[in-house]
Each structure stands twice: as structure tokens, then as C-alpha cells.
PDB file of N, CA and C in Angstrom:
ATOM      1  N   UNK A   1       1.225  -0.975  -0.039  1.00  0.00           N
ATOM      2  CA  UNK A   1       0.035  -0.162   0.011  1.00  0.00           C
ATOM      3  C   UNK A   1       0.795   1.298  -0.141  1.00  0.00           C
ATOM      4  N   UNK A   2       1.966   1.332  -0.940  1.00  0.00           N
ATOM      5  CA  UNK A   2       2.589   2.131  -0.992  1.00  0.00           C
ATOM      6  C   UNK A   2       2.683   3.462  -2.250  1.00  0.00           C
ATOM      7  N   UNK A   3       1.838   4.045  -2.753  1.00  0.00           N
ATOM      8  CA  UNK A   3       2.080   5.249  -3.499  1.00  0.00           C
ATOM      9  C   UNK A   3       1.505   6.848  -3.779  1.00  0.00           C
ATOM     10  N   UNK A   4       2.144   6.584  -2.080  1.00  0.00           N
ATOM     11  CA  UNK A   4       2.198   8.239  -2.149  1.00  0.00           C
ATOM     12  C   UNK A   4       1.138   8.779  -1.357  1.00  0.00           C
ATOM     13  N   UNK A   5       0.058   8.458  -1.864  1.00  0.00           N
ATOM     14  CA  UNK A   5      -1.070   8.705  -1.588  1.00  0.00           C
ATOM     15  C   UNK A   5      -1.641   8.521   0.001  1.00  0.00           C
ATOM     16  N   UNK A   6      -2.659   9.363   1.498  1.00  0.00           N
ATOM     17  CA  UNK A   6      -2.663   8.258   2.093  1.00  0.00           C
ATOM     18  C   UNK A   6      -3.187   7.273   2.682  1.00  0.00           C
ATOM     19  N   UNK A   7      -2.730   6.136   3.291  1.00  0.00           N
ATOM     20  CA  UNK A   7      -3.211   5.024   3.398  1.00  0.00           C
ATOM     21  C   UNK A   7      -4.786   4.496   3.301  1.00  0.00           C
ATOM     22  N   UNK A   8      -5.347   5.522   4.418  1.00  0.00           N
ATOM     23  CA  UNK A   8      -7.206   5.384   3.666  1.00  0.00           C
ATOM     24  C   UNK A   8      -7.693   5.349   2.549  1.00  0.00           C
ATOM     25  N   UNK A   9      -7.028   6.676   2.332  1.00  0.00           N
ATOM     26  CA  UNK A   9      -7.612   6.616   0.617  1.00  0.00           C
ATOM     27  C   UNK A   9      -7.710   5.411   0.062  1.00  0.00           C
ATOM     28  N   UNK A  10      -6.332   4.854  -0.184  1.00  0.00           N
ATOM     29  CA  UNK A  10      -5.866   3.597  -0.700  1.00  0.00           C
ATOM     30  C   UNK A  10      -7.251   2.285  -0.306  1.00  0.00           C
ATOM     31  N   UNK A  11      -6.966   2.389   0.856  1.00  0.00           N
ATOM     32  CA  UNK A  11      -8.121   1.499   1.352  1.00  0.00           C
ATOM     33  C   UNK A  11      -9.562   1.517   0.534  1.00  0.00           C
ATOM     34  N   UNK A  12      -9.958   2.854   0.562  1.00  0.00           N
ATOM     35  CA  UNK A  12     -11.581   3.375   0.535  1.00  0.00           C
ATOM     36  C   UNK A  12     -11.465   3.086  -1.413  1.00  0.00           C
ATOM     37  N   UNK A  13     -10.192   3.292  -2.197  1.00  0.00           N
ATOM     38  CA  UNK A  13     -10.067   2.890  -3.727  1.00  0.00           C
ATOM     39  C   UNK A  13      -9.876   1.565  -3.680  1.00  0.00           C
ATOM     40  N   UNK A  14      -9.424   0.723  -2.932  1.00  0.00           N
ATOM     41  CA  UNK A  14      -9.267  -0.178  -3.036  1.00  0.00           C
ATOM     42  C   UNK A  14     -11.047  -1.237  -2.897  1.00  0.00           C
ATOM     43  N   UNK A  15     -12.019  -0.938  -1.733  1.00  0.00           N
ATOM     44  CA  UNK A  15     -13.286  -1.468  -2.215  1.00  0.00           C
ATOM     45  C   UNK A  15     -14.263  -0.986  -3.090  1.00  0.00           C
ATOM     46  N   UNK A  16     -13.607   0.494  -3.254  1.00  0.00           N
ATOM     47  CA  UNK A  16     -14.712   1.320  -4.524  1.00  0.00           C
ATOM     48  C   UNK A  16     -14.868   0.063  -5.699  1.00  0.00           C
ATOM     49  N   UNK A  17     -13.013  -0.049  -6.026  1.00  0.00           N
ATOM     50  CA  UNK A  17     -12.346  -0.996  -7.068  1.00  0.00           C
ATOM     51  C   UNK A  17     -13.120  -2.224  -6.882  1.00  0.00           C
ATOM     52  N   UNK A  18     -13.952  -3.081  -5.974  1.00  0.00           N
ATOM     53  CA  UNK A  18     -14.253  -4.153  -6.098  1.00  0.00           C
ATOM     54  C   UNK A  18     -16.095  -3.908  -5.949  1.00  0.00           C
ATOM     55  N   UNK A  19     -16.266  -3.257  -5.981  1.00  0.00           N
ATOM     56  CA  UNK A  19     -17.545  -2.288  -6.139  1.00  0.00           C
ATOM     57  C   UNK A  19     -17.714  -2.593  -7.338  1.00  0.00           C
ATOM     58  N   UNK A  20     -17.021  -2.024  -8.117  1.00  0.00           N
ATOM     59  CA  UNK A  20     -16.824  -1.707  -9.803  1.00  0.00           C
ATOM     60  C   UNK A  20     -16.940  -2.829 -10.551  1.00  0.00           C
ATOM     61  N   UNK A  21     -15.769  -4.020 -10.145  1.00  0.00           N
ATOM     62  CA  UNK A  21     -15.757  -4.631 -10.788  1.00  0.00           C
ATOM     63  C   UNK A  21     -16.584  -5.967 -10.521  1.00  0.00           C
ATOM     64  N   UNK A  22     -17.388  -5.532  -9.594  1.00  0.00           N
ATOM     65  CA  UNK A  22     -18.242  -6.093  -8.970  1.00  0.00           C
ATOM     66  C   UNK A  22     -18.349  -7.637  -8.488  1.00  0.00           C
ATOM     67  N   UNK A  23     -16.752  -7.562  -7.587  1.00  0.00           N
ATOM     68  CA  UNK A  23     -16.590  -8.442  -6.594  1.00  0.00           C
ATOM     69  C   UNK A  23     -17.158  -8.364  -5.336  1.00  0.00           C
ATOM     70  N   UNK A  24     -18.370  -7.106  -5.116  1.00  0.00           N
ATOM     71  CA  UNK A  24     -18.350  -7.295  -4.045  1.00  0.00           C
ATOM     72  C   UNK A  24     -19.696  -6.387  -4.674  1.00  0.00           C
ATOM     73  N   UNK A  25     -20.547  -6.929  -4.793  1.00  0.00           N
ATOM     74  CA  UNK A  25     -22.342  -6.606  -5.087  1.00  0.00           C
ATOM     75  C   UNK A  25     -23.044  -5.886  -3.959  1.00  0.00           C
ATOM     76  N   UNK A  26     -24.052  -4.849  -4.983  1.00  0.00           N
ATOM     77  CA  UNK A  26     -25.043  -4.132  -3.623  1.00  0.00           C
ATOM     78  C   UNK A  26     -25.234  -4.616  -2.611  1.00  0.00           C
ATOM     79  N   UNK A  27     -25.518  -3.754  -1.550  1.00  0.00           N
ATOM     80  CA  UNK A  27     -26.223  -5.138  -0.400  1.00  0.00           C
ATOM     81  C   UNK A  27     -25.369  -5.575   0.174  1.00  0.00           C
ATOM     82  N   UNK A  28     -23.937  -6.188  -0.573  1.00  0.00           N
ATOM     83  CA  UNK A  28     -22.870  -7.142   0.237  1.00  0.00           C
ATOM     84  C   UNK A  28     -22.625  -6.379   1.595  1.00  0.00           C
ATOM     85  N   UNK A  29     -21.917  -7.983   1.988  1.00  0.00           N
ATOM     86  CA  UNK A  29     -21.429  -7.064   3.309  1.00  0.00           C
ATOM     87  C   UNK A  29     -19.613  -6.524   3.348  1.00  0.00           C
ATOM     88  N   UNK A  30     -19.378  -6.195   3.358  1.00  0.00           N
ATOM     89  CA  UNK A  30     -17.565  -5.360   3.432  1.00  0.00           C
ATOM     90  C   UNK A  30     -17.247  -5.604   4.261  1.00  0.00           C
ATOM     91  N   UNK A  31     -15.188  -6.489   4.051  1.00  0.00           N
ATOM     92  CA  UNK A  31     -15.129  -6.605   5.096  1.00  0.00           C
ATOM     93  C   UNK A  31     -14.729  -6.118   6.644  1.00  0.00           C
ATOM     94  N   UNK A  32     -14.519  -6.034   7.516  1.00  0.00           N
ATOM     95  CA  UNK A  32     -14.431  -5.234   8.472  1.00  0.00           C
ATOM     96  C   UNK A  32     -13.258  -4.889   8.481  1.00  0.00           C
ATOM     97  N   UNK A  33     -13.432  -3.303   9.812  1.00  0.00           N
ATOM     98  CA  UNK A  33     -11.999  -2.762   9.702  1.00  0.00           C
ATOM     99  C   UNK A  33     -10.664  -3.484  10.139  1.00  0.00           C
ATOM    100  N   UNK A  34     -11.245  -4.119  11.361  1.00  0.00           N
ATOM    101  CA  UNK A  34     -10.196  -5.075  11.595  1.00  0.00           C
ATOM    102  C   UNK A  34      -9.973  -6.157  10.818  1.00  0.00           C
ATOM    103  N   UNK A  35     -10.558  -6.624  10.314  1.00  0.00           N
ATOM    104  CA  UNK A  35      -9.990  -7.528   8.640  1.00  0.00           C
ATOM    105  C   UNK A  35      -9.551  -6.571   7.817  1.00  0.00           C
ATOM    106  N   UNK A  36      -9.502  -5.858   7.384  1.00  0.00           N
ATOM    107  CA  UNK A  36      -8.848  -4.826   6.216  1.00  0.00           C
ATOM    108  C   UNK A  36      -7.545  -4.998   7.047  1.00  0.00           C
ATOM    109  N   UNK A  37      -7.486  -4.275   8.650  1.00  0.00           N
ATOM    110  CA  UNK A  37      -5.941  -3.942   8.903  1.00  0.00           C
ATOM    111  C   UNK A  37      -5.489  -4.822   9.015  1.00  0.00           C
ATOM    112  N   UNK A  38      -6.064  -5.945   9.479  1.00  0.00           N
ATOM    113  CA  UNK A  38      -4.958  -7.305   9.692  1.00  0.00           C
ATOM    114  C   UNK A  38      -4.592  -7.665   7.928  1.00  0.00           C
ATOM    115  N   UNK A  39      -5.130  -7.476   7.306  1.00  0.00           N
ATOM    116  CA  UNK A  39      -4.427  -8.086   5.957  1.00  0.00           C
ATOM    117  C   UNK A  39      -3.637  -7.263   5.182  1.00  0.00           C
ATOM    118  N   UNK A  40      -3.678  -6.236   5.302  1.00  0.00           N
ATOM    119  CA  UNK A  40      -2.968  -5.146   4.852  1.00  0.00           C
ATOM    120  C   UNK A  40      -1.595  -4.179   5.953  1.00  0.00           C
ATOM    121  N   UNK A  41      -1.936  -5.173   7.217  1.00  0.00           N
ATOM    122  CA  UNK A  41      -1.210  -4.945   7.872  1.00  0.00           C
ATOM    123  C   UNK A  41      -0.907  -2.988   7.941  1.00  0.00           C
ATOM    124  N   UNK A  42      -2.236  -2.371   8.501  1.00  0.00           N
ATOM    125  CA  UNK A  42      -1.610  -1.245   9.360  1.00  0.00           C
ATOM    126  C   UNK A  42      -3.553  -1.183  10.630  1.00  0.00           C
ATOM    127  N   UNK A  43      -3.076  -0.136  10.720  1.00  0.00           N
ATOM    128  CA  UNK A  43      -4.063   0.791  11.691  1.00  0.00           C
ATOM    129  C   UNK A  43      -5.252   0.189  12.189  1.00  0.00           C
ATOM    130  N   UNK A  44      -6.228  -0.343  12.479  1.00  0.00           N
ATOM    131  CA  UNK A  44      -7.540  -0.736  12.711  1.00  0.00           C
ATOM    132  C   UNK A  44      -8.319   0.859  12.134  1.00  0.00           C
ATOM    133  N   UNK A  45      -7.585   2.124  13.225  1.00  0.00           N
ATOM    134  CA  UNK A  45      -8.350   3.135  13.019  1.00  0.00           C
ATOM    135  C   UNK A  45      -8.150   4.042  11.025  1.00  0.00           C
ATOM    136  N   UNK A  46      -6.968   3.398  10.856  1.00  0.00           N
ATOM    137  CA  UNK A  46      -6.936   4.037   9.221  1.00  0.00           C
ATOM    138  C   UNK A  46      -8.062   3.288   8.442  1.00  0.00           C
ATOM    139  N   UNK A  47      -7.723   1.975   8.778  1.00  0.00           N
ATOM    140  CA  UNK A  47      -9.184   1.345   7.745  1.00  0.00           C
ATOM    141  C   UNK A  47     -10.004   1.974   7.816  1.00  0.00           C
ATOM    142  N   UNK A  48     -10.454   1.859   9.290  1.00  0.00           N
ATOM    143  CA  UNK A  48     -11.507   2.799   9.604  1.00  0.00           C
ATOM    144  C   UNK A  48     -12.103   4.410   8.769  1.00  0.00           C
ATOM    145  N   UNK A  49     -11.198   5.097   8.788  1.00  0.00           N
ATOM    146  CA  UNK A  49     -11.253   6.140   8.261  1.00  0.00           C
ATOM    147  C   UNK A  49     -11.614   5.996   6.266  1.00  0.00           C
ATOM    148  N   UNK A  50     -10.815   5.009   5.921  1.00  0.00           N
ATOM    149  CA  UNK A  50     -11.173   4.966   4.838  1.00  0.00           C
ATOM    150  C   UNK A  50     -12.317   4.155   4.244  1.00  0.00           C
ATOM    151  N   UNK A  51     -13.365   3.328   5.325  1.00  0.00           N
ATOM    152  CA  UNK A  51     -14.405   2.989   4.914  1.00  0.00           C
ATOM    153  C   UNK A  51     -15.571   4.492   5.549  1.00  0.00           C
ATOM    154  N   UNK A  52     -15.042   5.009   6.056  1.00  0.00           N
ATOM    155  CA  UNK A  52     -15.832   5.779   6.142  1.00  0.00           C
ATOM    156  C   UNK A  52     -16.146   6.549   5.644  1.00  0.00           C
ATOM    157  N   UNK A  53     -15.002   7.152   5.176  1.00  0.00           N
ATOM    158  CA  UNK A  53     -15.400   7.812   4.178  1.00  0.00           C
ATOM    159  C   UNK A  53     -15.950   7.666   2.839  1.00  0.00           C
ATOM    160  N   UNK A  54     -16.189   5.689   2.957  1.00  0.00           N
ATOM    161  CA  UNK A  54     -17.030   5.426   1.642  1.00  0.00           C
ATOM    162  C   UNK A  54     -18.497   5.977   2.664  1.00  0.00           C
ATOM    163  N   UNK A  55     -18.553   6.083   3.693  1.00  0.00           N
ATOM    164  CA  UNK A  55     -20.021   5.787   4.397  1.00  0.00           C
ATOM    165  C   UNK A  55     -20.554   7.429   3.948  1.00  0.00           C
ATOM    166  N   UNK A  56     -19.662   8.034   4.073  1.00  0.00           N
ATOM    167  CA  UNK A  56     -20.167  10.098   3.926  1.00  0.00           C
ATOM    168  C   UNK A  56     -20.465   9.818   2.756  1.00  0.00           C
ATOM    169  N   UNK A  57     -19.593   9.253   1.594  1.00  0.00           N
ATOM    170  CA  UNK A  57     -20.015   9.091   0.258  1.00  0.00           C
ATOM    171  C   UNK A  57     -21.206   8.877   0.026  1.00  0.00           C
ATOM    172  N   UNK A  58     -22.216   7.584   0.864  1.00  0.00           N
ATOM    173  CA  UNK A  58     -23.313   7.214   0.547  1.00  0.00           C
ATOM    174  C   UNK A  58     -22.847   6.018  -0.140  1.00  0.00           C
ATOM    175  N   UNK A  59     -21.846   5.611  -0.295  1.00  0.00           N
ATOM    176  CA  UNK A  59     -21.377   4.499  -1.342  1.00  0.00           C
ATOM    177  C   UNK A  59     -21.181   2.871  -0.420  1.00  0.00           C
ATOM    178  N   UNK A  60     -21.589   3.528   1.403  1.00  0.00           N
ATOM    179  CA  UNK A  60     -21.403   2.030   2.097  1.00  0.00           C
ATOM    180  C   UNK A  60     -22.299   2.419   3.339  1.00  0.00           C
ATOM    181  N   UNK A  61     -23.062   1.253   3.621  1.00  0.00           N
ATOM    182  CA  UNK A  61     -23.926   1.652   4.938  1.00  0.00           C
ATOM    183  C   UNK A  61     -23.651   1.182   5.907  1.00  0.00           C
ATOM    184  N   UNK A  62     -24.282   1.476   7.308  1.00  0.00           N
ATOM    185  CA  UNK A  62     -23.500   0.863   8.551  1.00  0.00           C
ATOM    186  C   UNK A  62     -25.267  -0.157   8.873  1.00  0.00           C
ATOM    187  N   UNK A  63     -24.949  -1.221   9.152  1.00  0.00           N
ATOM    188  CA  UNK A  63     -25.872  -1.579   9.827  1.00  0.00           C
ATOM    189  C   UNK A  63     -25.252  -2.182  11.199  1.00  0.00           C
ATOM    190  N   UNK A  64     -26.131  -1.688  12.268  1.00  0.00           N
ATOM    191  CA  UNK A  64     -26.324  -1.080  13.574  1.00  0.00           C
ATOM    192  C   UNK A  64     -25.397  -2.942  14.186  1.00  0.00           C
ATOM    193  N   UNK A  65     -24.707  -3.551  14.731  1.00  0.00           N
ATOM    194  CA  UNK A  65     -24.231  -4.341  15.512  1.00  0.00           C
ATOM    195  C   UNK A  65     -23.932  -5.380  14.605  1.00  0.00           C
ATOM    196  N   UNK A  66     -23.837  -5.065  12.930  1.00  0.00           N
ATOM    197  CA  UNK A  66     -23.611  -6.127  11.705  1.00  0.00           C
ATOM    198  C   UNK A  66     -22.269  -6.146  10.951  1.00  0.00           C
ATOM    199  N   UNK A  67     -22.329  -4.850  10.505  1.00  0.00           N
ATOM    200  CA  UNK A  67     -21.295  -4.503   9.833  1.00  0.00           C
ATOM    201  C   UNK A  67     -21.707  -3.283   8.690  1.00  0.00           C
ATOM    202  N   UNK A  68     -20.530  -3.210   8.116  1.00  0.00           N
ATOM    203  CA  UNK A  68     -20.966  -2.442   6.817  1.00  0.00           C
ATOM    204  C   UNK A  68     -21.853  -3.229   5.131  1.00  0.00           C
ATOM    205  N   UNK A  69     -21.833  -2.454   4.615  1.00  0.00           N
ATOM    206  CA  UNK A  69     -22.674  -3.075   3.224  1.00  0.00           C
ATOM    207  C   UNK A  69     -22.927  -1.637   2.460  1.00  0.00           C
ATOM    208  N   UNK A  70     -22.576  -2.619   1.122  1.00  0.00           N
ATOM    209  CA  UNK A  70     -21.880  -1.691  -0.010  1.00  0.00           C
ATOM    210  C   UNK A  70     -23.920  -1.302  -0.533  1.00  0.00           C
ATOM    211  N   UNK A  71     -23.952   0.072  -0.676  1.00  0.00           N
ATOM    212  CA  UNK A  71     -25.815   0.699  -0.787  1.00  0.00           C
ATOM    213  C   UNK A  71     -26.009   0.541  -2.227  1.00  0.00           C
ATOM    214  N   UNK A  72     -27.475   0.540  -2.130  1.00  0.00           N
ATOM    215  CA  UNK A  72     -27.692  -0.045  -3.562  1.00  0.00           C
ATOM    216  C   UNK A  72     -27.923   1.482  -4.441  1.00  0.00           C
ATOM    217  N   UNK A  73     -27.131   1.167  -5.607  1.00  0.00           N
ATOM    218  CA  UNK A  73     -26.820   1.951  -7.085  1.00  0.00           C
ATOM    219  C   UNK A  73     -25.143   2.900  -5.866  1.00  0.00           C
ATOM    220  N   UNK A  74     -24.487   1.897  -5.375  1.00  0.00           N
ATOM    221  CA  UNK A  74     -23.040   2.540  -5.577  1.00  0.00           C
ATOM    222  C   UNK A  74     -22.661   2.130  -6.250  1.00  0.00           C
ATOM    223  N   UNK A  75     -22.555   1.223  -7.047  1.00  0.00           N
ATOM    224  CA  UNK A  75     -21.688   1.310  -8.049  1.00  0.00           C
ATOM    225  C   UNK A  75     -22.040   1.756  -9.587  1.00  0.00           C
ATOM    226  N   UNK A  76     -23.128   2.057  -9.753  1.00  0.00           N
ATOM    227  CA  UNK A  76     -23.433   3.083 -10.755  1.00  0.00           C
ATOM    228  C   UNK A  76     -23.112   4.778 -10.072  1.00  0.00           C
ATOM    229  N   UNK A  77     -23.507   5.021  -9.032  1.00  0.00           N
ATOM    230  CA  UNK A  77     -23.061   6.063  -8.685  1.00  0.00           C
ATOM    231  C   UNK A  77     -21.106   6.374  -8.460  1.00  0.00           C
ATOM    232  N   UNK A  78     -20.815   5.174  -8.822  1.00  0.00           N
ATOM    233  CA  UNK A  78     -18.700   5.141  -8.397  1.00  0.00           C
ATOM    234  C   UNK A  78     -18.701   5.746  -9.940  1.00  0.00           C
ATOM    235  N   UNK A  79     -19.335   4.669 -10.647  1.00  0.00           N
ATOM    236  CA  UNK A  79     -18.920   4.697 -12.146  1.00  0.00           C
ATOM    237  C   UNK A  79     -19.072   6.196 -12.788  1.00  0.00           C
ATOM    238  N   UNK A  80     -20.163   6.588 -12.617  1.00  0.00           N
ATOM    239  CA  UNK A  80     -20.107   8.100 -12.822  1.00  0.00           C
ATOM    240  C   UNK A  80     -18.933   9.063 -12.387  1.00  0.00           C
ATOM    241  N   UNK A  81     -18.516   9.031 -11.071  1.00  0.00           N
ATOM    242  CA  UNK A  81     -17.890   9.438 -10.559  1.00  0.00           C
ATOM    243  C   UNK A  81     -16.658   9.242 -11.384  1.00  0.00           C
ATOM    244  N   UNK A  82     -15.555   8.031 -11.384  1.00  0.00           N
ATOM    245  CA  UNK A  82     -15.168   8.148 -12.153  1.00  0.00           C
ATOM    246  C   UNK A  82     -14.940   7.820 -13.951  1.00  0.00           C
ATOM    247  N   UNK A  83     -15.965   7.798 -14.523  1.00  0.00           N
ATOM    248  CA  UNK A  83     -15.990   9.131 -15.868  1.00  0.00           C
ATOM    249  C   UNK A  83     -15.307   9.899 -15.876  1.00  0.00           C
ATOM    250  N   UNK A  84     -16.191  11.043 -15.069  1.00  0.00           N
ATOM    251  CA  UNK A  84     -15.999  12.259 -15.042  1.00  0.00           C
ATOM    252  C   UNK A  84     -14.373  12.377 -14.571  1.00  0.00           C
ATOM    253  N   UNK A  85     -14.280  11.538 -13.831  1.00  0.00           N
ATOM    254  CA  UNK A  85     -12.628  12.271 -13.441  1.00  0.00           C
ATOM    255  C   UNK A  85     -11.670  11.199 -14.288  1.00  0.00           C
ATOM    256  N   UNK A  86     -12.474  10.496 -14.831  1.00  0.00           N
ATOM    257  CA  UNK A  86     -11.109  10.012 -16.343  1.00  0.00           C
ATOM    258  C   UNK A  86     -10.965  11.214 -16.907  1.00  0.00           C
ATOM    259  N   UNK A  87     -12.260  11.847 -17.568  1.00  0.00           N
ATOM    260  CA  UNK A  87     -12.481  12.898 -18.327  1.00  0.00           C
ATOM    261  C   UNK A  87     -11.346  14.236 -18.396  1.00  0.00           C
ATOM    262  N   UNK A  88     -11.408  14.651 -16.889  1.00  0.00           N
ATOM    263  CA  UNK A  88     -10.521  15.772 -16.117  1.00  0.00           C
ATOM    264  C   UNK A  88      -9.284  15.179 -16.319  1.00  0.00           C
ATOM    265  N   UNK A  89      -8.857  13.874 -16.592  1.00  0.00           N
ATOM    266  CA  UNK A  89      -7.307  13.980 -16.252  1.00  0.00           C
ATOM    267  C   UNK A  89      -7.404  13.273 -17.612  1.00  0.00           C
ATOM    268  N   UNK A  90      -7.983  12.374 -18.287  1.00  0.00           N
ATOM    269  CA  UNK A  90      -7.361  11.802 -19.700  1.00  0.00           C
ATOM    270  C   UNK A  90      -7.359  12.390 -20.633  1.00  0.00           C
ATOM    271  N   UNK A  91      -8.979  12.864 -20.929  1.00  0.00           N
ATOM    272  CA  UNK A  91      -9.658  13.701 -22.073  1.00  0.00           C
ATOM    273  C   UNK A  91      -9.175  14.701 -21.806  1.00  0.00           C
ATOM    274  N   UNK A  92      -9.307  15.747 -21.005  1.00  0.00           N
ATOM    275  CA  UNK A  92      -9.059  16.870 -21.630  1.00  0.00           C
ATOM    276  C   UNK A  92      -7.851  17.428 -22.033  1.00  0.00           C
ATOM    277  N   UNK A  93      -7.017  16.795 -21.442  1.00  0.00           N
ATOM    278  CA  UNK A  93      -5.138  16.930 -21.969  1.00  0.00           C
ATOM    279  C   UNK A  93      -4.783  15.898 -23.497  1.00  0.00           C
ATOM    280  N   UNK A  94      -5.886  15.173 -23.496  1.00  0.00           N
ATOM    281  CA  UNK A  94      -5.827  14.804 -24.776  1.00  0.00           C
ATOM    282  C   UNK A  94      -6.265  15.589 -25.673  1.00  0.00           C
ATOM    283  N   UNK A  95      -7.444  16.104 -25.896  1.00  0.00           N
ATOM    284  CA  UNK A  95      -8.290  16.828 -26.292  1.00  0.00           C
ATOM    285  C   UNK A  95      -7.282  18.304 -27.026  1.00  0.00           C
ATOM    286  N   UNK A  96      -6.883  18.117 -25.999  1.00  0.00           N
ATOM    287  CA  UNK A  96      -5.520  19.666 -25.814  1.00  0.00           C
ATOM    288  C   UNK A  96      -4.622  19.436 -26.475  1.00  0.00           C
ATOM    289  N   UNK A  97      -3.988  18.420 -26.654  1.00  0.00           N
ATOM    290  CA  UNK A  97      -3.334  18.300 -27.947  1.00  0.00           C
ATOM    291  C   UNK A  97      -3.248  18.213 -28.382  1.00  0.00           C
ATOM    292  N   UNK A  98      -4.430  16.943 -29.240  1.00  0.00           N
ATOM    293  CA  UNK A  98      -4.597  17.034 -30.402  1.00  0.00           C
ATOM    294  C   UNK A  98      -5.483  18.373 -31.406  1.00  0.00           C
ATOM    295  N   UNK A  99      -5.917  19.266 -30.622  1.00  0.00           N
ATOM    296  CA  UNK A  99      -6.414  20.463 -31.463  1.00  0.00           C
ATOM    297  C   UNK A  99      -5.102  20.944 -31.382  1.00  0.00           C
ATOM    298  N   UNK A 100      -3.624  21.482 -30.868  1.00  0.00           N
ATOM    299  CA  UNK A 100      -2.428  22.036 -31.088  1.00  0.00           C
ATOM    300  C   UNK A 100      -1.951  20.961 -32.503  1.00  0.00           C
ATOM    301  N   UNK A 101      -2.092  20.142 -32.265  1.00  0.00           N
ATOM    302  CA  UNK A 101      -1.566  19.576 -33.239  1.00  0.00           C
ATOM    303  C   UNK A 101      -2.649  19.312 -34.869  1.00  0.00           C
ATOM    304  N   UNK A 102      -3.917  20.410 -34.241  1.00  0.00           N
ATOM    305  CA  UNK A 102      -4.121  19.417 -35.647  1.00  0.00           C
ATOM    306  C   UNK A 102      -5.117  18.678 -35.815  1.00  0.00           C
ATOM    307  N   UNK A 103      -5.453  17.992 -34.989  1.00  0.00           N
ATOM    308  CA  UNK A 103      -6.296  16.372 -35.244  1.00  0.00           C
ATOM    309  C   UNK A 103      -7.354  16.720 -34.581  1.00  0.00           C
ATOM    310  N   UNK A 104      -8.435  16.533 -35.215  1.00  0.00           N
ATOM    311  CA  UNK A 104      -9.965  16.294 -35.323  1.00  0.00           C
ATOM    312  C   UNK A 104     -10.108  15.194 -34.888  1.00  0.00           C
ATOM    313  N   UNK A 105     -11.512  14.962 -34.374  1.00  0.00           N
ATOM    314  CA  UNK A 105     -12.298  14.322 -33.580  1.00  0.00           C
ATOM    315  C   UNK A 105     -12.481  13.029 -34.842  1.00  0.00           C
ATOM    316  N   UNK A 106     -12.521  13.184 -36.121  1.00  0.00           N
ATOM    317  CA  UNK A 106     -12.408  12.075 -37.126  1.00  0.00           C
ATOM    318  C   UNK A 106     -10.707  11.137 -37.361  1.00  0.00           C
ATOM    319  N   UNK A 107      -9.876  12.201 -37.332  1.00  0.00           N
ATOM    320  CA  UNK A 107      -8.658  11.414 -36.758  1.00  0.00           C
ATOM    321  C   UNK A 107      -8.363  11.046 -35.469  1.00  0.00           C
ATOM    322  N   UNK A 108      -8.674  11.653 -34.850  1.00  0.00           N
ATOM    323  CA  UNK A 108      -8.632  11.202 -33.110  1.00  0.00           C
ATOM    324  C   UNK A 108      -9.236   9.096 -33.311  1.00  0.00           C
ATOM    325  N   UNK A 109     -10.804   9.773 -34.097  1.00  0.00           N
ATOM    326  CA  UNK A 109     -11.109   8.080 -33.820  1.00  0.00           C
ATOM    327  C   UNK A 109     -10.641   7.191 -34.237  1.00  0.00           C
ATOM    328  N   UNK A 110     -10.259   7.229 -35.338  1.00  0.00           N
ATOM    329  CA  UNK A 110      -8.968   6.349 -36.520  1.00  0.00           C
ATOM    330  C   UNK A 110      -8.033   5.691 -35.693  1.00  0.00           C
ATOM    331  N   UNK A 111      -6.842   7.132 -34.890  1.00  0.00           N
ATOM    332  CA  UNK A 111      -6.104   6.325 -34.649  1.00  0.00           C
ATOM    333  C   UNK A 111      -6.517   5.617 -33.529  1.00  0.00           C
ATOM    334  N   UNK A 112      -6.967   5.562 -32.555  1.00  0.00           N
ATOM    335  CA  UNK A 112      -7.910   5.037 -31.796  1.00  0.00           C
ATOM    336  C   UNK A 112      -8.421   3.643 -32.131  1.00  0.00           C
ATOM    337  N   UNK A 113      -9.174   3.800 -33.267  1.00  0.00           N
ATOM    338  CA  UNK A 113      -9.683   1.967 -33.984  1.00  0.00           C
ATOM    339  C   UNK A 113      -8.066   1.361 -34.530  1.00  0.00           C
ATOM    340  N   UNK A 114      -7.307   3.003 -34.961  1.00  0.00           N
ATOM    341  CA  UNK A 114      -6.087   1.488 -35.433  1.00  0.00           C
ATOM    342  C   UNK A 114      -5.102   0.836 -34.070  1.00  0.00           C
ATOM    343  N   UNK A 115      -5.323   1.293 -33.398  1.00  0.00           N
ATOM    344  CA  UNK A 115      -4.286   0.741 -31.904  1.00  0.00           C
ATOM    345  C   UNK A 115      -5.618   0.358 -31.916  1.00  0.00           C
ATOM    346  N   UNK A 116      -6.164  -0.282 -31.302  1.00  0.00           N
ATOM    347  CA  UNK A 116      -7.354  -1.177 -30.624  1.00  0.00           C
ATOM    348  C   UNK A 116      -7.164  -2.232 -31.285  1.00  0.00           C
ATOM    349  N   UNK A 117      -7.026  -2.130 -33.101  1.00  0.00           N
ATOM    350  CA  UNK A 117      -6.438  -3.049 -33.884  1.00  0.00           C
ATOM    351  C   UNK A 117      -5.092  -3.782 -33.580  1.00  0.00           C
ATOM    352  N   UNK A 118      -4.387  -2.840 -33.487  1.00  0.00           N
ATOM    353  CA  UNK A 118      -3.155  -3.402 -33.408  1.00  0.00           C
ATOM    354  C   UNK A 118      -2.567  -4.299 -31.957  1.00  0.00           C
ATOM    355  N   UNK A 119      -3.607  -4.114 -30.912  1.00  0.00           N
ATOM    356  CA  UNK A 119      -3.500  -4.915 -29.452  1.00  0.00           C
ATOM    357  C   UNK A 119      -3.369  -6.684 -29.618  1.00  0.00           C
TER     358      UNK A 119
END
């Protein structure tokens, strides 16, 4: 768990990824903070901070005395947010550079198609 970002954010992202890829279905129980802490060899409070971040975001919810569960609609919400982040992080710079180079949308589509065929 070393990529320069706070560990609690990495824990939250791991859970998000499991929701997005279907490993954790909606209404499924999420590993406890103690389980996450033991598995990743981190402090339980740090794991709890990551889980609570997802609760605050409406991705997880608590069942008192039972644990944390994936909220209904969490996958759709996460995919929407990640798509927006993808557009900001990758598409905006790509389109800006393409414009500088005189590459229009049709040329860009052709380049993507060629790249896909070559894989």
C-alpha cells in the first residue's frame, strides 16, 4: 500500500474497485475494519477512516451491530464519478494536445481504432 497517497484513501479505493468490478455486489457485506487492517497490516483506525469516507460518500452504509454493506446504486454512482475523473484526467489533456496538433475528432477516432486493432 505505497503509492504516495494516504493509506485510508487507498483502502477506500480498493473497496470502490471491488464494487466497480462486481467483486462486491450491492447489499453485500464489506470486510470489517479489523479484517482490512489485519490483511493490509495497517492500523484499524486507518482502515476505519477509509471505510467511513465511503459511508460519508453514500457508497457504504452501516447496519448497527452487523457491519458495513454496499449501498444500492453504489456501482452506478462510482462509475459516474470515475468517468468524470477520467474525462478530466485523460480526455481533457488529450483533446487539448490533439487540437494543438490539428487532429480533429475523426482523425482521433481513426487513431484509436488503429491502436485497438493492433492490440
